[in-house]
PDB file of N, CA and C in Angstrom:
ATOM      1  N   MET A   1     149.687 136.506  39.063  1.00  0.00           N
ATOM      2  CA  MET A   1     149.608 135.137  38.643  1.00  0.00           C
ATOM      3  C   MET A   1     148.398 134.967  37.720  1.00  0.00           C
ATOM      4  N   LYS A   2     148.606 134.305  36.597  1.00  0.00           N
ATOM      5  CA  LYS A   2     147.548 134.108  35.619  1.00  0.00           C
ATOM      6  C   LYS A   2     146.680 132.923  36.023  1.00  0.00           C
ATOM      7  N   LYS A   3     145.365 133.088  35.939  1.00  0.00           N
ATOM      8  CA  LYS A   3     144.440 132.011  36.259  1.00  0.00           C
ATOM      9  C   LYS A   3     144.309 131.075  35.058  1.00  0.00           C
ATOM     10  N   THR A   4     144.233 129.810  35.360  1.00  0.00           N
ATOM     11  CA  THR A   4     143.996 128.810  34.325  1.00  0.00           C
ATOM     12  C   THR A   4     142.520 128.466  34.325  1.00  0.00           C
ATOM     13  N   ILE A   5     141.932 128.559  33.185  1.00  0.00           N
ATOM     14  CA  ILE A   5     140.511 128.245  33.065  1.00  0.00           C
ATOM     15  C   ILE A   5     140.393 126.837  32.492  1.00  0.00           C
ATOM     16  N   MET A   6     139.690 125.995  33.215  1.00  0.00           N
ATOM     17  CA  MET A   6     139.449 124.638  32.743  1.00  0.00           C
ATOM     18  C   MET A   6     138.247 124.676  31.812  1.00  0.00           C
ATOM     19  N   ARG A   7     138.413 124.109  30.657  1.00  0.00           N
ATOM     20  CA  ARG A   7     137.326 124.078  29.692  1.00  0.00           C
ATOM     21  C   ARG A   7     137.198 122.679  29.136  1.00  0.00           C
ATOM     22  N   SER A   8     136.006 122.199  29.049  1.00  0.00           N
ATOM     23  CA  SER A   8     135.761 120.864  28.518  1.00  0.00           C
ATOM     24  C   SER A   8     135.350 120.984  27.058  1.00  0.00           C
ATOM     25  N   ASP A   9     136.038 120.261  26.195  1.00  0.00           N
ATOM     26  CA  ASP A   9     135.705 120.252  24.782  1.00  0.00           C
ATOM     27  C   ASP A   9     135.120 118.904  24.386  1.00  0.00           C
ATOM     28  N   ILE A  10     134.179 118.429  25.159  1.00  0.00           N
ATOM     29  CA  ILE A  10     133.551 117.144  24.887  1.00  0.00           C
ATOM     30  C   ILE A  10     132.642 117.293  23.679  1.00  0.00           C
ATOM     31  N   VAL A  11     132.775 116.364  22.761  1.00  0.00           N
ATOM     32  CA  VAL A  11     131.961 116.372  21.563  1.00  0.00           C
ATOM     33  C   VAL A  11     130.670 115.615  21.860  1.00  0.00           C
ATOM     34  N   ASP A  12     129.543 116.287  21.698  1.00  0.00           N
ATOM     35  CA  ASP A  12     128.261 115.672  21.989  1.00  0.00           C
ATOM     36  C   ASP A  12     127.684 115.011  20.743  1.00  0.00           C
ATOM     37  N   THR A  13     127.550 115.755  19.676  1.00  0.00           N
ATOM     38  CA  THR A  13     127.084 115.203  18.409  1.00  0.00           C
ATOM     39  C   THR A  13     127.910 115.777  17.266  1.00  0.00           C
ATOM     40  N   LEU A  14     127.958 115.022  16.186  1.00  0.00           N
ATOM     41  CA  LEU A  14     128.731 115.415  15.011  1.00  0.00           C
ATOM     42  C   LEU A  14     127.848 115.384  13.773  1.00  0.00           C
ATOM     43  N   THR A  15     128.074 116.293  12.860  1.00  0.00           N
ATOM     44  CA  THR A  15     127.421 116.229  11.557  1.00  0.00           C
ATOM     45  C   THR A  15     128.216 115.255  10.685  1.00  0.00           C
ATOM     46  N   LEU A  16     127.682 114.934   9.544  1.00  0.00           N
ATOM     47  CA  LEU A  16     128.380 114.076   8.595  1.00  0.00           C
ATOM     48  C   LEU A  16     129.724 114.693   8.209  1.00  0.00           C
ATOM     49  N   GLN A  17     129.732 115.993   7.971  1.00  0.00           N
ATOM     50  CA  GLN A  17     130.963 116.679   7.584  1.00  0.00           C
ATOM     51  C   GLN A  17     131.989 116.658   8.718  1.00  0.00           C
ATOM     52  N   ASP A  18     131.528 116.834   9.960  1.00  0.00           N
ATOM     53  CA  ASP A  18     132.436 116.782  11.108  1.00  0.00           C
ATOM     54  C   ASP A  18     133.094 115.411  11.217  1.00  0.00           C
ATOM     55  N   LEU A  19     132.281 114.371  11.098  1.00  0.00           N
ATOM     56  CA  LEU A  19     132.811 113.010  11.207  1.00  0.00           C
ATOM     57  C   LEU A  19     133.822 112.731  10.101  1.00  0.00           C
ATOM     58  N   CYS A  20     133.529 113.177   8.894  1.00  0.00           N
ATOM     59  CA  CYS A  20     134.467 112.996   7.774  1.00  0.00           C
ATOM     60  C   CYS A  20     135.789 113.710   8.059  1.00  0.00           C
ATOM     61  N   ARG A  21     135.707 114.888   8.619  1.00  0.00           N
ATOM     62  CA  ARG A  21     136.913 115.652   8.938  1.00  0.00           C
ATOM     63  C   ARG A  21     137.736 114.941  10.018  1.00  0.00           C
ATOM     64  N   PHE A  22     137.092 114.451  11.060  1.00  0.00           N
ATOM     65  CA  PHE A  22     137.794 113.751  12.131  1.00  0.00           C
ATOM     66  C   PHE A  22     138.471 112.476  11.632  1.00  0.00           C
ATOM     67  N   CYS A  23     137.821 111.792  10.691  1.00  0.00           N
ATOM     68  CA  CYS A  23     138.321 110.492  10.223  1.00  0.00           C
ATOM     69  C   CYS A  23     139.130 110.581   8.936  1.00  0.00           C
ATOM     70  N   HIS A  24     139.254 111.776   8.382  1.00  0.00           N
ATOM     71  CA  HIS A  24     139.956 111.955   7.106  1.00  0.00           C
ATOM     72  C   HIS A  24     139.357 111.045   6.039  1.00  0.00           C
ATOM     73  N   ALA A  25     138.039 111.090   5.940  1.00  0.00           N
ATOM     74  CA  ALA A  25     137.326 110.220   5.005  1.00  0.00           C
ATOM     75  C   ALA A  25     136.370 111.045   4.152  1.00  0.00           C
ATOM     76  N   GLU A  26     135.980 110.469   3.031  1.00  0.00           N
ATOM     77  CA  GLU A  26     135.023 111.118   2.148  1.00  0.00           C
ATOM     78  C   GLU A  26     133.607 110.794   2.613  1.00  0.00           C
ATOM     79  N   GLU A  27     132.680 111.686   2.292  1.00  0.00           N
ATOM     80  CA  GLU A  27     131.288 111.502   2.713  1.00  0.00           C
ATOM     81  C   GLU A  27     130.714 110.190   2.192  1.00  0.00           C
ATOM     82  N   GLN A  28     130.989 109.846   0.944  1.00  0.00           N
ATOM     83  CA  GLN A  28     130.425 108.631   0.360  1.00  0.00           C
ATOM     84  C   GLN A  28     130.841 107.394   1.146  1.00  0.00           C
ATOM     85  N   TRP A  29     132.071 107.373   1.642  1.00  0.00           N
ATOM     86  CA  TRP A  29     132.551 106.220   2.416  1.00  0.00           C
ATOM     87  C   TRP A  29     131.806 106.129   3.743  1.00  0.00           C
ATOM     88  N   VAL A  30     131.584 107.256   4.405  1.00  0.00           N
ATOM     89  CA  VAL A  30     130.835 107.261   5.664  1.00  0.00           C
ATOM     90  C   VAL A  30     129.388 106.843   5.412  1.00  0.00           C
ATOM     91  N   ILE A  31     128.821 107.276   4.306  1.00  0.00           N
ATOM     92  CA  ILE A  31     127.453 106.870   3.950  1.00  0.00           C
ATOM     93  C   ILE A  31     127.395 105.354   3.771  1.00  0.00           C
ATOM     94  N   GLU A  32     128.412 104.768   3.149  1.00  0.00           N
ATOM     95  CA  GLU A  32     128.479 103.304   3.016  1.00  0.00           C
ATOM     96  C   GLU A  32     128.532 102.638   4.382  1.00  0.00           C
ATOM     97  N   LEU A  33     129.290 103.214   5.312  1.00  0.00           N
ATOM     98  CA  LEU A  33     129.360 102.644   6.660  1.00  0.00           C
ATOM     99  C   LEU A  33     127.982 102.647   7.308  1.00  0.00           C
ATOM    100  N   VAL A  34     127.211 103.692   7.073  1.00  0.00           N
ATOM    101  CA  VAL A  34     125.850 103.752   7.617  1.00  0.00           C
ATOM    102  C   VAL A  34     124.986 102.682   6.954  1.00  0.00           C
ATOM    103  N   GLU A  35     125.106 102.538   5.641  1.00  0.00           N
ATOM    104  CA  GLU A  35     124.305 101.543   4.916  1.00  0.00           C
ATOM    105  C   GLU A  35     124.586 100.122   5.396  1.00  0.00           C
ATOM    106  N   TYR A  36     125.823  99.840   5.801  1.00  0.00           N
ATOM    107  CA  TYR A  36     126.189  98.509   6.283  1.00  0.00           C
ATOM    108  C   TYR A  36     126.007  98.363   7.793  1.00  0.00           C
ATOM    109  N   GLY A  37     125.504  99.400   8.456  1.00  0.00           N
ATOM    110  CA  GLY A  37     125.227  99.308   9.875  1.00  0.00           C
ATOM    111  C   GLY A  37     126.427  99.512  10.786  1.00  0.00           C
ATOM    112  N   VAL A  38     127.547  99.958  10.226  1.00  0.00           N
ATOM    113  CA  VAL A  38     128.737 100.209  11.034  1.00  0.00           C
ATOM    114  C   VAL A  38     128.508 101.423  11.924  1.00  0.00           C
ATOM    115  N   LEU A  39     127.857 102.442  11.382  1.00  0.00           N
ATOM    116  CA  LEU A  39     127.526 103.654  12.123  1.00  0.00           C
ATOM    117  C   LEU A  39     126.018 103.841  12.094  1.00  0.00           C
ATOM    118  N   GLU A  40     125.489 104.381  13.185  1.00  0.00           N
ATOM    119  CA  GLU A  40     124.043 104.584  13.269  1.00  0.00           C
ATOM    120  C   GLU A  40     123.736 106.032  13.651  1.00  0.00           C
ATOM    121  N   PRO A  41     123.551 106.882  12.641  1.00  0.00           N
ATOM    122  CA  PRO A  41     123.267 108.290  12.938  1.00  0.00           C
ATOM    123  C   PRO A  41     121.804 108.499  13.324  1.00  0.00           C
ATOM    124  N   LYS A  42     121.558 109.587  13.995  1.00  0.00           N
ATOM    125  CA  LYS A  42     120.188 110.045  14.252  1.00  0.00           C
ATOM    126  C   LYS A  42     119.832 110.965  13.100  1.00  0.00           C
ATOM    127  N   GLY A  43     118.598 110.946  12.659  1.00  0.00           N
ATOM    128  CA  GLY A  43     118.163 111.793  11.561  1.00  0.00           C
ATOM    129  C   GLY A  43     117.782 110.962  10.353  1.00  0.00           C
ATOM    130  N   SER A  44     116.961 111.539   9.502  1.00  0.00           N
ATOM    131  CA  SER A  44     116.421 110.781   8.375  1.00  0.00           C
ATOM    132  C   SER A  44     117.174 110.980   7.066  1.00  0.00           C
ATOM    133  N   THR A  45     117.869 112.097   6.913  1.00  0.00           N
ATOM    134  CA  THR A  45     118.614 112.347   5.678  1.00  0.00           C
ATOM    135  C   THR A  45     120.057 112.696   6.020  1.00  0.00           C
ATOM    136  N   THR A  46     120.925 112.565   5.033  1.00  0.00           N
ATOM    137  CA  THR A  46     122.340 112.858   5.269  1.00  0.00           C
ATOM    138  C   THR A  46     122.550 114.296   5.723  1.00  0.00           C
ATOM    139  N   GLY A  47     121.706 115.187   5.309  1.00  0.00           N
ATOM    140  CA  GLY A  47     121.832 116.594   5.688  1.00  0.00           C
ATOM    141  C   GLY A  47     121.579 116.854   7.165  1.00  0.00           C
ATOM    142  N   ASN A  48     120.768 116.016   7.797  1.00  0.00           N
ATOM    143  CA  ASN A  48     120.495 116.237   9.219  1.00  0.00           C
ATOM    144  C   ASN A  48     120.960 115.074  10.096  1.00  0.00           C
ATOM    145  N   TRP A  49     121.829 114.224   9.571  1.00  0.00           N
ATOM    146  CA  TRP A  49     122.408 113.155  10.385  1.00  0.00           C
ATOM    147  C   TRP A  49     123.219 113.750  11.520  1.00  0.00           C
ATOM    148  N   ARG A  50     123.118 113.126  12.683  1.00  0.00           N
ATOM    149  CA  ARG A  50     123.933 113.479  13.844  1.00  0.00           C
ATOM    150  C   ARG A  50     124.507 112.195  14.412  1.00  0.00           C
ATOM    151  N   PHE A  51     125.805 112.189  14.582  1.00  0.00           N
ATOM    152  CA  PHE A  51     126.522 111.031  15.113  1.00  0.00           C
ATOM    153  C   PHE A  51     126.956 111.334  16.535  1.00  0.00           C
ATOM    154  N   VAL A  52     126.913 110.325  17.404  1.00  0.00           N
ATOM    155  CA  VAL A  52     127.426 110.509  18.761  1.00  0.00           C
ATOM    156  C   VAL A  52     128.949 110.520  18.700  1.00  0.00           C
ATOM    157  N   GLY A  53     129.578 111.087  19.714  1.00  0.00           N
ATOM    158  CA  GLY A  53     131.033 111.233  19.737  1.00  0.00           C
ATOM    159  C   GLY A  53     131.774 109.915  19.621  1.00  0.00           C
ATOM    160  N   THR A  54     131.188 108.832  20.142  1.00  0.00           N
ATOM    161  CA  THR A  54     131.860 107.528  20.067  1.00  0.00           C
ATOM    162  C   THR A  54     131.925 106.994  18.634  1.00  0.00           C
ATOM    163  N   SER A  55     131.157 107.587  17.744  1.00  0.00           N
ATOM    164  CA  SER A  55     131.226 107.181  16.333  1.00  0.00           C
ATOM    165  C   SER A  55     132.597 107.461  15.744  1.00  0.00           C
ATOM    166  N   ILE A  56     133.298 108.445  16.303  1.00  0.00           N
ATOM    167  CA  ILE A  56     134.637 108.765  15.814  1.00  0.00           C
ATOM    168  C   ILE A  56     135.544 107.555  15.972  1.00  0.00           C
ATOM    169  N   VAL A  57     135.504 106.923  17.130  1.00  0.00           N
ATOM    170  CA  VAL A  57     136.361 105.764  17.400  1.00  0.00           C
ATOM    171  C   VAL A  57     136.031 104.630  16.434  1.00  0.00           C
ATOM    172  N   ARG A  58     134.750 104.336  16.284  1.00  0.00           N
ATOM    173  CA  ARG A  58     134.329 103.237  15.401  1.00  0.00           C
ATOM    174  C   ARG A  58     134.689 103.544  13.944  1.00  0.00           C
ATOM    175  N   ALA A  59     134.476 104.774  13.523  1.00  0.00           N
ATOM    176  CA  ALA A  59     134.794 105.145  12.142  1.00  0.00           C
ATOM    177  C   ALA A  59     136.295 105.093  11.887  1.00  0.00           C
ATOM    178  N   LYS A  60     137.098 105.503  12.877  1.00  0.00           N
ATOM    179  CA  LYS A  60     138.550 105.446  12.706  1.00  0.00           C
ATOM    180  C   LYS A  60     139.043 104.001  12.632  1.00  0.00           C
ATOM    181  N   LYS A  61     138.455 103.105  13.429  1.00  0.00           N
ATOM    182  CA  LYS A  61     138.806 101.681  13.333  1.00  0.00           C
ATOM    183  C   LYS A  61     138.445 101.148  11.951  1.00  0.00           C
ATOM    184  N   ALA A  62     137.266 101.521  11.475  1.00  0.00           N
ATOM    185  CA  ALA A  62     136.828 101.093  10.151  1.00  0.00           C
ATOM    186  C   ALA A  62     137.778 101.611   9.080  1.00  0.00           C
ATOM    187  N   ARG A  63     138.201 102.831   9.224  1.00  0.00           N
ATOM    188  CA  ARG A  63     139.124 103.443   8.255  1.00  0.00           C
ATOM    189  C   ARG A  63     140.453 102.689   8.211  1.00  0.00           C
ATOM    190  N   ARG A  64     140.966 102.348   9.408  1.00  0.00           N
ATOM    191  CA  ARG A  64     142.240 101.613   9.457  1.00  0.00           C
ATOM    192  C   ARG A  64     142.108 100.226   8.841  1.00  0.00           C
ATOM    193  N   LEU A  65     141.015  99.530   9.119  1.00  0.00           N
ATOM    194  CA  LEU A  65     140.805  98.204   8.524  1.00  0.00           C
ATOM    195  C   LEU A  65     140.747  98.303   7.003  1.00  0.00           C
ATOM    196  N   HIS A  66     140.055  99.303   6.523  1.00  0.00           N
ATOM    197  CA  HIS A  66     139.926  99.494   5.076  1.00  0.00           C
ATOM    198  C   HIS A  66     141.258  99.881   4.443  1.00  0.00           C
ATOM    199  N   ARG A  67     141.922 100.844   5.046  1.00  0.00           N
ATOM    200  CA  ARG A  67     143.174 101.367   4.484  1.00  0.00           C
ATOM    201  C   ARG A  67     144.330 100.372   4.623  1.00  0.00           C
ATOM    202  N   ASP A  68     144.535  99.844   5.822  1.00  0.00           N
ATOM    203  CA  ASP A  68     145.710  99.016   6.087  1.00  0.00           C
ATOM    204  C   ASP A  68     145.579  97.590   5.572  1.00  0.00           C
ATOM    205  N   LEU A  69     144.367  97.036   5.637  1.00  0.00           N
ATOM    206  CA  LEU A  69     144.186  95.638   5.246  1.00  0.00           C
ATOM    207  C   LEU A  69     143.430  95.467   3.935  1.00  0.00           C
ATOM    208  N   GLY A  70     142.916  96.567   3.400  1.00  0.00           N
ATOM    209  CA  GLY A  70     142.206  96.496   2.125  1.00  0.00           C
ATOM    210  C   GLY A  70     140.861  95.799   2.214  1.00  0.00           C
ATOM    211  N   ILE A  71     140.250  95.797   3.394  1.00  0.00           N
ATOM    212  CA  ILE A  71     138.963  95.132   3.588  1.00  0.00           C
ATOM    213  C   ILE A  71     137.856  96.025   3.038  1.00  0.00           C
ATOM    214  N   ASN A  72     136.910  95.408   2.304  1.00  0.00           N
ATOM    215  CA  ASN A  72     135.793  96.197   1.777  1.00  0.00           C
ATOM    216  C   ASN A  72     134.816  96.536   2.901  1.00  0.00           C
ATOM    217  N   THR A  73     133.812  97.342   2.593  1.00  0.00           N
ATOM    218  CA  THR A  73     132.912  97.853   3.625  1.00  0.00           C
ATOM    219  C   THR A  73     132.150  96.741   4.333  1.00  0.00           C
ATOM    220  N   ALA A  74     131.688  95.742   3.592  1.00  0.00           N
ATOM    221  CA  ALA A  74     130.988  94.620   4.218  1.00  0.00           C
ATOM    222  C   ALA A  74     131.924  93.870   5.164  1.00  0.00           C
ATOM    223  N   GLY A  75     133.159  93.688   4.760  1.00  0.00           N
ATOM    224  CA  GLY A  75     134.149  93.021   5.610  1.00  0.00           C
ATOM    225  C   GLY A  75     134.485  93.836   6.840  1.00  0.00           C
ATOM    226  N   VAL A  76     134.540  95.145   6.684  1.00  0.00           N
ATOM    227  CA  VAL A  76     134.797  96.032   7.821  1.00  0.00           C
ATOM    228  C   VAL A  76     133.678  95.897   8.846  1.00  0.00           C
ATOM    229  N   ALA A  77     132.430  95.870   8.370  1.00  0.00           N
ATOM    230  CA  ALA A  77     131.283  95.725   9.279  1.00  0.00           C
ATOM    231  C   ALA A  77     131.377  94.410  10.048  1.00  0.00           C
ATOM    232  N   LEU A  78     131.698  93.335   9.364  1.00  0.00           N
ATOM    233  CA  LEU A  78     131.834  92.033  10.014  1.00  0.00           C
ATOM    234  C   LEU A  78     132.988  92.028  11.010  1.00  0.00           C
ATOM    235  N   ALA A  79     134.133  92.551  10.602  1.00  0.00           N
ATOM    236  CA  ALA A  79     135.308  92.572  11.477  1.00  0.00           C
ATOM    237  C   ALA A  79     135.048  93.379  12.744  1.00  0.00           C
ATOM    238  N   LEU A  80     134.410  94.527  12.619  1.00  0.00           N
ATOM    239  CA  LEU A  80     134.113  95.342  13.798  1.00  0.00           C
ATOM    240  C   LEU A  80     133.143  94.633  14.741  1.00  0.00           C
ATOM    241  N   ASP A  81     132.130  93.964  14.180  1.00  0.00           N
ATOM    242  CA  ASP A  81     131.198  93.212  15.016  1.00  0.00           C
ATOM    243  C   ASP A  81     131.916  92.097  15.767  1.00  0.00           C
ATOM    244  N   LEU A  82     132.797  91.382  15.079  1.00  0.00           N
ATOM    245  CA  LEU A  82     133.544  90.293  15.718  1.00  0.00           C
ATOM    246  C   LEU A  82     134.500  90.817  16.788  1.00  0.00           C
ATOM    247  N   LEU A  83     135.144  91.940  16.520  1.00  0.00           N
ATOM    248  CA  LEU A  83     136.032  92.536  17.520  1.00  0.00           C
ATOM    249  C   LEU A  83     135.259  92.960  18.772  1.00  0.00           C
ATOM    250  N   GLU A  84     134.080  93.520  18.573  1.00  0.00           N
ATOM    251  CA  GLU A  84     133.260  93.927  19.719  1.00  0.00           C
ATOM    252  C   GLU A  84     132.781  92.712  20.513  1.00  0.00           C
ATOM    253  N   GLU A  85     132.402  91.638  19.825  1.00  0.00           N
ATOM    254  CA  GLU A  85     131.999  90.407  20.520  1.00  0.00           C
ATOM    255  C   GLU A  85     133.160  89.834  21.315  1.00  0.00           C
ATOM    256  N   ARG A  86     134.347  89.830  20.734  1.00  0.00           N
ATOM    257  CA  ARG A  86     135.529  89.330  21.429  1.00  0.00           C
ATOM    258  C   ARG A  86     135.801  90.157  22.679  1.00  0.00           C
ATOM    259  N   ASP A  87     135.721  91.477  22.562  1.00  0.00           N
ATOM    260  CA  ASP A  87     135.944  92.345  23.718  1.00  0.00           C
ATOM    261  C   ASP A  87     134.922  92.082  24.821  1.00  0.00           C
ATOM    262  N   ALA A  88     133.663  91.846  24.438  1.00  0.00           N
ATOM    263  CA  ALA A  88     132.620  91.562  25.424  1.00  0.00           C
ATOM    264  C   ALA A  88     132.906  90.239  26.135  1.00  0.00           C
ATOM    265  N   VAL A  89     133.346  89.233  25.394  1.00  0.00           N
ATOM    266  CA  VAL A  89     133.672  87.933  25.992  1.00  0.00           C
ATOM    267  C   VAL A  89     134.862  88.076  26.937  1.00  0.00           C
ATOM    268  N   LEU A  90     135.857  88.838  26.539  1.00  0.00           N
ATOM    269  CA  LEU A  90     137.021  89.039  27.406  1.00  0.00           C
ATOM    270  C   LEU A  90     136.645  89.779  28.685  1.00  0.00           C
ATOM    271  N   ARG A  91     135.750  90.747  28.584  1.00  0.00           N
ATOM    272  CA  ARG A  91     135.290  91.453  29.789  1.00  0.00           C
ATOM    273  C   ARG A  91     134.549  90.510  30.725  1.00  0.00           C
ATOM    274  N   ARG A  92     133.695  89.647  30.162  1.00  0.00           N
ATOM    275  CA  ARG A  92     132.958  88.686  30.993  1.00  0.00           C
ATOM    276  C   ARG A  92     133.905  87.681  31.624  1.00  0.00           C
ATOM    277  N   LEU A  93     134.882  87.231  30.877  1.00  0.00           N
ATOM    278  CA  LEU A  93     135.855  86.273  31.398  1.00  0.00           C
ATOM    279  C   LEU A  93     136.683  86.887  32.524  1.00  0.00           C
ATOM    280  N   ALA A  94     137.009  88.155  32.393  1.00  0.00           N
ATOM    281  CA  ALA A  94     137.803  88.843  33.407  1.00  0.00           C
ATOM    282  C   ALA A  94     137.078  88.914  34.750  1.00  0.00           C
ATOM    283  N   GLN A  95     135.758  88.871  34.720  1.00  0.00           N
ATOM    284  CA  GLN A  95     134.976  88.884  35.968  1.00  0.00           C
ATOM    285  C   GLN A  95     135.195  87.607  36.773  1.00  0.00           C
ATOM    286  N   TYR A  96     135.512  86.514  36.095  1.00  0.00           N
ATOM    287  CA  TYR A  96     135.640  85.220  36.757  1.00  0.00           C
ATOM    288  C   TYR A  96     137.069  84.827  37.069  1.00  0.00           C
ATOM    289  N   GLU A  97     138.006  85.519  36.477  1.00  0.00           N
ATOM    290  CA  GLU A  97     139.423  85.202  36.703  1.00  0.00           C
ATOM    291  C   GLU A  97     140.054  86.278  37.565  1.00  0.00           C
ATOM    292  N   PRO A  98     140.556  85.882  38.739  1.00  0.00           N
ATOM    293  CA  PRO A  98     141.235  86.882  39.559  1.00  0.00           C
ATOM    294  C   PRO A  98     142.576  87.282  38.935  1.00  0.00           C
ATOM    295  N   ILE A  99     142.909  88.528  39.122  1.00  0.00           N
ATOM    296  CA  ILE A  99     144.160  89.026  38.556  1.00  0.00           C
ATOM    297  C   ILE A  99     145.262  88.965  39.582  1.00  0.00           C
TER     298      ILE A  99
END
């Protein structure tokens, strides 16, 4: 009987190139997202930027807003902030409403 080895492929940090590959985006677009505060990398230059794994989710949402709705980068930043605020309000409301 063959043994199955469990392996975790959790992404801890990503380089700029890794994030671009995951999101199917160009580096310049990701740099714009950083400039507008959509993504917050660690590091001082693009060459040593490191993104946390959750940046993939945020960048993919930004990509869909840009691609599907034609929203510019400033609009994407605003839309993502509003979506996050809405989610936070819904979570707080759920604490007070029994299901």
